[in-house]
């Protein structure tokens, strides 16, 4: 149970400036142990600049002092309003793929702020549900709401200390098959294309737009979501993010080559002592089954950042075989749908569940 703080109030602001947001980051104590760029000033201000209509700003106050804040997007339908934590609910504005999503406040105040937000929404006219995408905690509860659904993503990462404390580097972390596959691919690439090398690019913005984007679009154009580089809001967001590096939150792009051929690019976000792998753009101009540049690129990148003293190489959400091959551990992120517990909304969710089950049964026949 959450200890209720009687003096804690929640306010919803429909109008505010980016300077107001910057001031909030200065006023609110940084969450203890925070290792994510996704709820940083750099990320959220860049995101707000790229949205045509800014979401509502939610502030949490205790005895006149602001102790936390977040943003709420809202989409309206005939059955009620759906809210989105630190997202708009519009895919073209949310394709930045926020993770480690939560209220911006100290760890001490997180349970109370979560509770206060849900209580405020439950008393808002037409509130139907709140969607919290890829949150590190399931601990969201309040009166007048219930957990409608939860999806869990197991996120793979590499504990860099296992490399730093081993004389064999990554060798002991990989299975025999993984070591063999990586060496086979590395040898094939070097024999047919040239020696493999990489560097950190000097101008990540131009590199992403001019070099990485065409490769990424070619790789993802036929998928449901497509490449983010086909979305001008996504492109503008990363242009601003890359141009606003600071000590604790910054981006890097690694460029890999084999001889004179581009192998591809890895786009990284560095936050405190963690490296978050955000996306890759790979040159798939060789269809030999030994040509696996992505696997080789990640192995080299992991060793590079381990040598620089980073503590974790985080692959972020989304399953991929290469992540399982290279990782040492996993942790969960949760996407929560928290709903209005009023009878009307419970009936609507029940109908929704029945329709989904009927559709799944029909499709399985």
Protein backbone atom coordinates (compact mmCIF):
# COMPACT_ATOMS: atom_id res chain seq x y z
CA UNK A 1 0.00 0.00 0.00
CA UNK A 2 1.06 3.57 -0.68
CA UNK A 3 1.39 5.90 2.29
CA UNK A 4 -1.03 8.71 1.49
CA UNK A 5 0.36 12.23 1.88
CA UNK A 6 -2.52 14.58 2.61
CA UNK A 7 -0.69 17.70 1.46
CA UNK A 8 0.33 16.20 -1.91
CA UNK A 9 -1.58 17.83 -4.77
CA UNK A 10 -1.63 17.20 -8.52
CA UNK A 11 -2.13 19.96 -11.05
CA UNK A 12 -2.76 19.63 -14.78
CA UNK A 13 -1.41 22.48 -16.91
CA UNK A 14 -2.63 22.78 -20.50
CA UNK A 15 -0.34 25.71 -21.32
CA UNK A 16 3.32 26.10 -20.39
CA UNK A 17 6.63 27.01 -22.02
CA UNK A 18 9.80 25.04 -22.62
CA UNK A 19 11.50 27.38 -20.16
CA UNK A 20 8.96 26.23 -17.56
CA UNK A 21 10.00 22.63 -18.27
CA UNK A 22 13.70 23.46 -17.99
CA UNK A 23 13.05 25.15 -14.66
CA UNK A 24 11.23 22.05 -13.40
CA UNK A 25 14.30 19.94 -14.12
CA UNK A 26 16.32 22.37 -12.02
CA UNK A 27 13.76 22.44 -9.20
CA UNK A 28 13.01 18.73 -8.91
CA UNK A 29 15.58 16.49 -7.31
CA UNK A 30 17.01 14.01 -9.84
CA UNK A 31 15.78 10.46 -9.24
CA UNK A 32 18.29 8.53 -7.18
CA UNK A 33 20.14 5.95 -9.26
CA UNK A 34 18.65 7.26 -12.51
CA UNK A 35 20.60 5.83 -15.43
CA UNK A 36 18.30 6.58 -18.33
CA UNK A 37 18.39 9.34 -20.91
CA UNK A 38 14.69 8.85 -21.68
CA UNK A 39 13.35 11.01 -18.86
CA UNK A 40 16.15 13.56 -19.02
CA UNK A 41 15.76 17.22 -19.94
CA UNK A 42 17.63 16.54 -23.18
CA UNK A 43 15.18 13.86 -24.33
CA UNK A 44 11.90 15.40 -23.19
CA UNK A 45 12.57 18.96 -24.37
CA UNK A 46 13.64 17.65 -27.79
CA UNK A 47 10.44 15.57 -27.93
CA UNK A 48 8.23 18.52 -26.98
CA UNK A 49 9.83 20.67 -29.67
CA UNK A 50 8.86 18.11 -32.31
CA UNK A 51 5.20 17.72 -31.35
CA UNK A 52 2.78 20.04 -33.14
CA UNK A 53 0.61 20.17 -30.03
CA UNK A 54 2.31 19.78 -26.65
CA UNK A 55 0.76 17.32 -24.18
CA UNK A 56 -0.50 18.47 -20.80
CA UNK A 57 2.05 19.06 -18.06
CA UNK A 58 1.36 17.39 -14.71
CA UNK A 59 3.04 18.74 -11.58
CA UNK A 60 3.06 17.22 -8.10
CA UNK A 61 3.36 19.55 -5.14
CA UNK A 62 3.87 18.99 -1.44
CA UNK A 63 3.34 21.96 0.90
CA UNK A 64 3.94 24.39 -1.92
CA UNK A 65 7.07 22.69 -3.23
CA UNK A 66 7.12 20.97 -6.63
CA UNK A 67 8.44 17.44 -6.07
CA UNK A 68 7.77 15.87 -9.48
CA UNK A 69 6.25 16.22 -12.92
CA UNK A 70 5.33 14.34 -16.08
CA UNK A 71 3.53 14.83 -19.38
CA UNK A 72 0.18 13.43 -20.46
CA UNK A 73 -1.02 12.99 -24.00
CA UNK A 74 -4.75 12.43 -24.53
CA UNK A 75 -6.74 10.78 -27.29
CA UNK A 76 -10.53 10.94 -27.25
CA UNK A 77 -12.93 8.26 -28.46
CA UNK A 78 -16.65 7.59 -28.05
CA UNK A 79 -16.03 5.42 -24.98
CA UNK A 80 -13.82 7.96 -23.18
CA UNK A 81 -10.35 9.48 -23.02
CA UNK A 82 -7.13 7.49 -23.15
CA UNK A 83 -4.08 9.14 -21.57
CA UNK A 84 -0.42 8.40 -22.29
CA UNK A 85 2.43 9.02 -19.85
CA UNK A 86 5.21 11.05 -21.50
CA UNK A 87 3.73 10.28 -24.92
CA UNK A 88 1.12 11.90 -27.15
CA UNK A 89 -0.71 8.76 -28.27
CA UNK A 90 0.05 9.71 -31.90
CA UNK A 91 2.53 7.30 -33.48
CA UNK A 92 4.40 9.85 -35.60
CA UNK A 93 5.22 11.90 -32.49
CA UNK A 94 5.99 8.87 -30.31
CA UNK A 95 8.24 6.92 -32.70
CA UNK A 96 11.20 8.05 -30.60
CA UNK A 97 10.38 4.94 -28.51
CA UNK A 98 10.59 6.14 -24.93
CA UNK A 99 11.73 3.50 -22.43
CA UNK A 100 12.37 3.54 -18.67
CA UNK A 101 9.23 5.68 -18.66
CA UNK A 102 8.06 7.16 -15.37
CA UNK A 103 7.25 10.32 -13.44
CA UNK A 104 10.26 12.60 -13.02
CA UNK A 105 10.84 12.80 -9.27
CA UNK A 106 13.02 11.34 -6.54
CA UNK A 107 12.71 7.66 -5.70
CA UNK A 108 11.30 8.68 -2.32
CA UNK A 109 8.27 10.37 -3.89
CA UNK A 110 7.58 7.98 -6.79
CA UNK A 111 4.86 5.84 -5.10
CA UNK A 112 2.98 8.89 -3.85
CA UNK A 113 3.21 10.70 -7.21
CA UNK A 114 1.98 7.64 -9.11
CA UNK A 115 -0.94 7.27 -6.72
CA UNK A 116 -1.75 10.98 -6.91
CA UNK A 117 -1.74 10.95 -10.73
CA UNK A 118 -4.15 8.02 -10.90
CA UNK A 119 -6.42 9.59 -8.32
CA UNK A 120 -6.48 12.87 -10.25
CA UNK A 121 -7.30 11.08 -13.51
CA UNK A 122 -10.04 8.98 -11.90
CA UNK A 123 -11.83 12.22 -11.01
CA UNK A 124 -11.39 13.64 -14.51
CA UNK A 125 -14.49 13.60 -16.69
CA UNK A 126 -14.45 10.86 -19.38
CA UNK A 127 -11.24 9.21 -18.08
CA UNK A 128 -11.11 5.71 -19.57
CA UNK A 129 -7.51 4.50 -19.10
CA UNK A 130 -3.86 5.50 -18.74
CA UNK A 131 -1.17 3.77 -20.82
CA UNK A 132 2.35 3.72 -19.39
CA UNK A 133 4.72 2.37 -22.01
CA UNK A 134 7.88 0.49 -20.99
CA UNK A 135 7.96 1.48 -17.33
CA UNK A 136 10.49 -0.08 -14.92
CA UNK A 137 7.82 -0.81 -12.28
CA UNK A 138 4.42 -2.48 -12.00
CA UNK A 139 3.77 -0.70 -8.71
CA UNK A 140 0.97 1.61 -9.84
CA UNK A 141 -2.23 1.46 -7.83
CA UNK A 142 -4.91 3.79 -6.53
CA UNK A 143 -8.54 3.86 -5.58
CA UNK A 144 -11.03 3.97 -8.47
CA UNK A 145 -8.59 2.34 -10.95
CA UNK A 146 -7.58 -1.20 -11.85
CA UNK A 147 -4.84 -2.84 -13.90
CA UNK A 148 -6.52 -3.76 -17.18
CA UNK A 149 -3.52 -5.35 -18.87
CA UNK A 150 0.24 -5.67 -18.58
CA UNK A 151 2.85 -6.61 -21.18
CA UNK A 152 6.36 -7.52 -20.07
CA UNK A 153 9.45 -7.01 -22.20
CA UNK A 154 12.64 -8.78 -21.10
CA UNK A 155 15.52 -6.44 -21.92
CA UNK A 156 18.95 -7.93 -22.58
CA UNK A 157 22.16 -6.30 -21.39
CA UNK A 158 25.86 -6.98 -20.87
CA UNK A 159 27.39 -6.62 -17.41
CA UNK A 160 30.68 -4.98 -18.40
CA UNK A 161 32.43 -6.01 -15.17
CA UNK A 162 32.45 -9.59 -16.43
CA UNK A 163 34.60 -8.41 -19.33
CA UNK A 164 36.71 -5.96 -17.35
CA UNK A 165 37.56 -8.59 -14.72
CA UNK A 166 38.44 -11.31 -17.21
CA UNK A 167 41.78 -11.77 -18.96
CA UNK A 168 39.89 -13.34 -21.86
CA UNK A 169 37.61 -10.34 -22.47
CA UNK A 170 34.28 -11.46 -23.95
CA UNK A 171 35.45 -14.97 -24.81
CA UNK A 172 34.17 -16.64 -21.63
CA UNK A 173 30.83 -14.83 -21.83
CA UNK A 174 29.92 -16.36 -25.18
CA UNK A 175 28.84 -19.87 -25.96
CA UNK A 176 31.06 -22.02 -28.15
CA UNK A 177 28.61 -21.61 -31.04
CA UNK A 178 28.50 -17.84 -30.58
CA UNK A 179 32.28 -17.52 -30.57
CA UNK A 180 32.51 -19.71 -33.65
CA UNK A 181 29.80 -17.74 -35.48
CA UNK A 182 31.35 -14.35 -34.72
CA UNK A 183 34.85 -15.49 -35.73
CA UNK A 184 33.51 -17.07 -38.92
CA UNK A 185 31.71 -13.85 -39.85
CA UNK A 186 34.71 -11.66 -38.97
CA UNK A 187 37.07 -13.83 -41.04
CA UNK A 188 34.68 -13.87 -43.99
CA UNK A 189 34.24 -10.08 -43.95
CA UNK A 190 37.96 -9.40 -43.70
CA UNK A 191 38.81 -11.89 -46.45
CA UNK A 192 36.18 -10.59 -48.89
CA UNK A 193 35.89 -6.90 -48.00
CA UNK A 194 38.95 -5.85 -46.01
CA UNK A 195 40.15 -5.24 -42.46
CA UNK A 196 37.45 -4.22 -40.00
CA UNK A 197 37.82 -0.88 -38.21
CA UNK A 198 35.53 1.62 -36.51
CA UNK A 199 35.57 5.14 -35.17
CA UNK A 200 33.29 7.56 -33.30
CA UNK A 201 32.05 10.03 -35.91
CA UNK A 202 32.70 13.75 -35.45
CA UNK A 203 29.31 14.90 -36.77
CA UNK A 204 26.58 12.44 -35.68
CA UNK A 205 23.72 14.56 -37.03
CA UNK A 206 24.98 14.61 -40.61
CA UNK A 207 26.08 10.97 -40.39
CA UNK A 208 22.65 9.81 -39.24
CA UNK A 209 20.79 11.78 -41.90
CA UNK A 210 23.09 11.23 -44.86
CA UNK A 211 24.73 7.85 -44.25
CA UNK A 212 22.74 5.82 -41.73
CA UNK A 213 19.21 6.81 -42.77
CA UNK A 214 19.27 5.22 -46.29
CA UNK A 215 20.51 1.93 -44.84
CA UNK A 216 17.93 1.99 -42.04
CA UNK A 217 15.06 2.82 -44.43
CA UNK A 218 16.09 -0.05 -46.74
CA UNK A 219 16.13 -2.44 -43.80
CA UNK A 220 12.79 -1.40 -42.22
CA UNK A 221 10.65 0.00 -45.03
CA UNK A 222 8.53 -3.17 -45.36
CA UNK A 223 7.75 -3.51 -41.64
CA UNK A 224 4.55 -2.36 -39.92
CA UNK A 225 6.14 0.66 -38.24
CA UNK A 226 8.66 1.40 -40.99
CA UNK A 227 11.89 3.29 -40.46
CA UNK A 228 11.85 6.27 -38.14
CA UNK A 229 13.98 8.08 -40.70
CA UNK A 230 10.91 8.23 -42.96
CA UNK A 231 9.19 10.29 -40.25
CA UNK A 232 10.26 13.98 -40.26
CA UNK A 233 9.36 14.34 -36.55
CA UNK A 234 11.71 11.45 -35.70
CA UNK A 235 14.50 13.00 -37.78
CA UNK A 236 14.03 16.43 -36.22
CA UNK A 237 13.98 14.93 -32.72
CA UNK A 238 17.34 13.20 -33.15
CA UNK A 239 18.84 16.26 -34.77
CA UNK A 240 18.02 18.20 -31.61
CA UNK A 241 19.02 15.40 -29.25
CA UNK A 242 22.45 14.94 -30.88
CA UNK A 243 23.02 18.68 -30.77
CA UNK A 244 22.36 18.93 -27.03
CA UNK A 245 24.93 16.65 -25.41
CA UNK A 246 26.05 17.22 -21.83
CA UNK A 247 28.19 15.39 -19.31
CA UNK A 248 25.64 12.80 -18.14
CA UNK A 249 23.49 12.49 -21.26
CA UNK A 250 24.96 12.32 -24.73
CA UNK A 251 24.77 10.48 -28.02
CA UNK A 252 27.44 8.82 -30.16
CA UNK A 253 27.47 7.21 -33.59
CA UNK A 254 30.01 4.47 -34.34
CA UNK A 255 30.98 3.96 -37.99
CA UNK A 256 32.26 0.53 -39.02
CA UNK A 257 34.18 -0.23 -42.20
CA UNK A 258 35.74 -3.28 -43.85
CA UNK A 259 38.48 -1.98 -46.09
CA UNK A 260 36.82 0.77 -48.10
CA UNK A 261 33.29 -0.61 -47.64
CA UNK A 262 30.87 0.75 -45.07
CA UNK A 263 29.61 -2.05 -42.83
CA UNK A 264 27.18 0.14 -40.94
CA UNK A 265 26.50 2.41 -37.98
CA UNK A 266 25.52 1.98 -34.34
CA UNK A 267 23.67 4.87 -32.71
CA UNK A 268 24.31 4.96 -28.96
CA UNK A 269 22.96 6.93 -26.02
CA UNK A 270 25.29 7.29 -23.07
CA UNK A 271 23.83 8.00 -19.65
CA UNK A 272 26.04 7.98 -16.57
CA UNK A 273 27.87 4.62 -16.81
CA UNK A 274 25.38 2.90 -19.13
CA UNK A 275 25.52 2.59 -22.91
CA UNK A 276 22.06 2.25 -24.48
CA UNK A 277 22.09 0.80 -28.00
CA UNK A 278 19.36 2.75 -29.78
CA UNK A 279 19.48 1.64 -33.42
CA UNK A 280 21.70 0.21 -36.13
CA UNK A 281 21.95 0.88 -39.85
CA UNK A 282 23.70 -1.98 -41.60
CA UNK A 283 24.90 -2.45 -45.16
CA UNK A 284 23.41 -5.78 -46.28
CA UNK A 285 25.06 -5.87 -49.70
CA UNK A 286 26.35 -9.42 -49.25
CA UNK A 287 23.90 -12.32 -49.04
CA UNK A 288 26.38 -14.97 -47.92
CA UNK A 289 25.17 -16.60 -44.70
CA UNK A 290 28.56 -15.94 -43.11
CA UNK A 291 28.10 -12.19 -43.57
CA UNK A 292 26.76 -11.03 -40.20
CA UNK A 293 28.14 -7.53 -39.74
CA UNK A 294 25.73 -6.56 -36.96
CA UNK A 295 26.99 -9.30 -34.66
CA UNK A 296 30.61 -8.33 -35.27
CA UNK A 297 29.87 -4.62 -34.86
CA UNK A 298 28.18 -5.12 -31.49
CA UNK A 299 30.98 -7.31 -30.17
CA UNK A 300 33.54 -4.64 -31.06
CA UNK A 301 31.34 -1.90 -29.56
CA UNK A 302 30.86 -3.81 -26.30
CA UNK A 303 34.61 -4.29 -25.94
CA UNK A 304 35.22 -0.63 -26.79
CA UNK A 305 32.87 0.71 -24.10
CA UNK A 306 34.04 -1.88 -21.56
CA UNK A 307 37.59 -0.61 -22.04
CA UNK A 308 36.35 2.95 -21.41
CA UNK A 309 34.96 1.90 -18.02
CA UNK A 310 31.23 1.72 -18.75
CA UNK A 311 29.27 -0.61 -16.47
CA UNK A 312 26.44 -1.78 -18.73
CA UNK A 313 25.73 -2.22 -22.44
CA UNK A 314 21.93 -2.13 -22.67
CA UNK A 315 20.20 -3.46 -25.80
CA UNK A 316 16.85 -1.84 -24.87
CA UNK A 317 13.45 -3.42 -25.52
CA UNK A 318 12.71 -5.65 -28.48
CA UNK A 319 13.74 -9.26 -28.93
CA UNK A 320 16.50 -10.13 -31.37
CA UNK A 321 18.64 -13.23 -31.61
CA UNK A 322 21.91 -11.28 -31.61
CA UNK A 323 20.91 -9.63 -28.31
CA UNK A 324 20.47 -13.05 -26.71
CA UNK A 325 23.76 -14.22 -28.17
CA UNK A 326 25.78 -11.33 -26.75
CA UNK A 327 24.00 -10.47 -23.47
CA UNK A 328 24.73 -11.70 -19.96
CA UNK A 329 21.56 -10.65 -18.09
CA UNK A 330 17.96 -9.44 -18.51
CA UNK A 331 15.61 -7.08 -16.69
CA UNK A 332 11.88 -6.39 -17.23
CA UNK A 333 10.07 -3.32 -18.53
CA UNK A 334 6.29 -3.16 -18.32
CA UNK A 335 3.60 -1.60 -20.49
CA UNK A 336 0.62 -0.98 -18.25
CA UNK A 337 -3.00 -0.17 -19.11
CA UNK A 338 -4.58 1.23 -15.95
CA UNK A 339 -8.31 1.77 -16.25
CA UNK A 340 -11.19 3.60 -14.67
CA UNK A 341 -12.90 1.15 -12.30
CA UNK A 342 -16.36 2.70 -12.68
CA UNK A 343 -18.99 0.17 -13.78
CA UNK A 344 -19.38 1.71 -17.24
CA UNK A 345 -15.69 1.29 -18.00
CA UNK A 346 -15.48 -2.22 -16.54
CA UNK A 347 -18.30 -3.23 -18.88
CA UNK A 348 -16.50 -1.64 -21.83
CA UNK A 349 -13.28 -3.48 -21.02
CA UNK A 350 -15.21 -6.72 -20.65
CA UNK A 351 -16.77 -6.26 -24.08
CA UNK A 352 -13.33 -5.43 -25.51
CA UNK A 353 -11.89 -8.63 -24.04
CA UNK A 354 -14.73 -10.73 -25.45
CA UNK A 355 -14.30 -9.22 -28.93
CA UNK A 356 -10.55 -9.91 -28.88
CA UNK A 357 -11.09 -13.51 -27.83
CA UNK A 358 -13.71 -14.04 -30.53
CA UNK A 359 -11.40 -12.53 -33.16
CA UNK A 360 -8.49 -14.72 -32.04
CA UNK A 361 -10.72 -17.81 -32.12
CA UNK A 362 -12.01 -16.97 -35.60
CA UNK A 363 -8.49 -16.32 -36.94
CA UNK A 364 -7.23 -19.63 -35.49
CA UNK A 365 -9.83 -21.74 -37.34
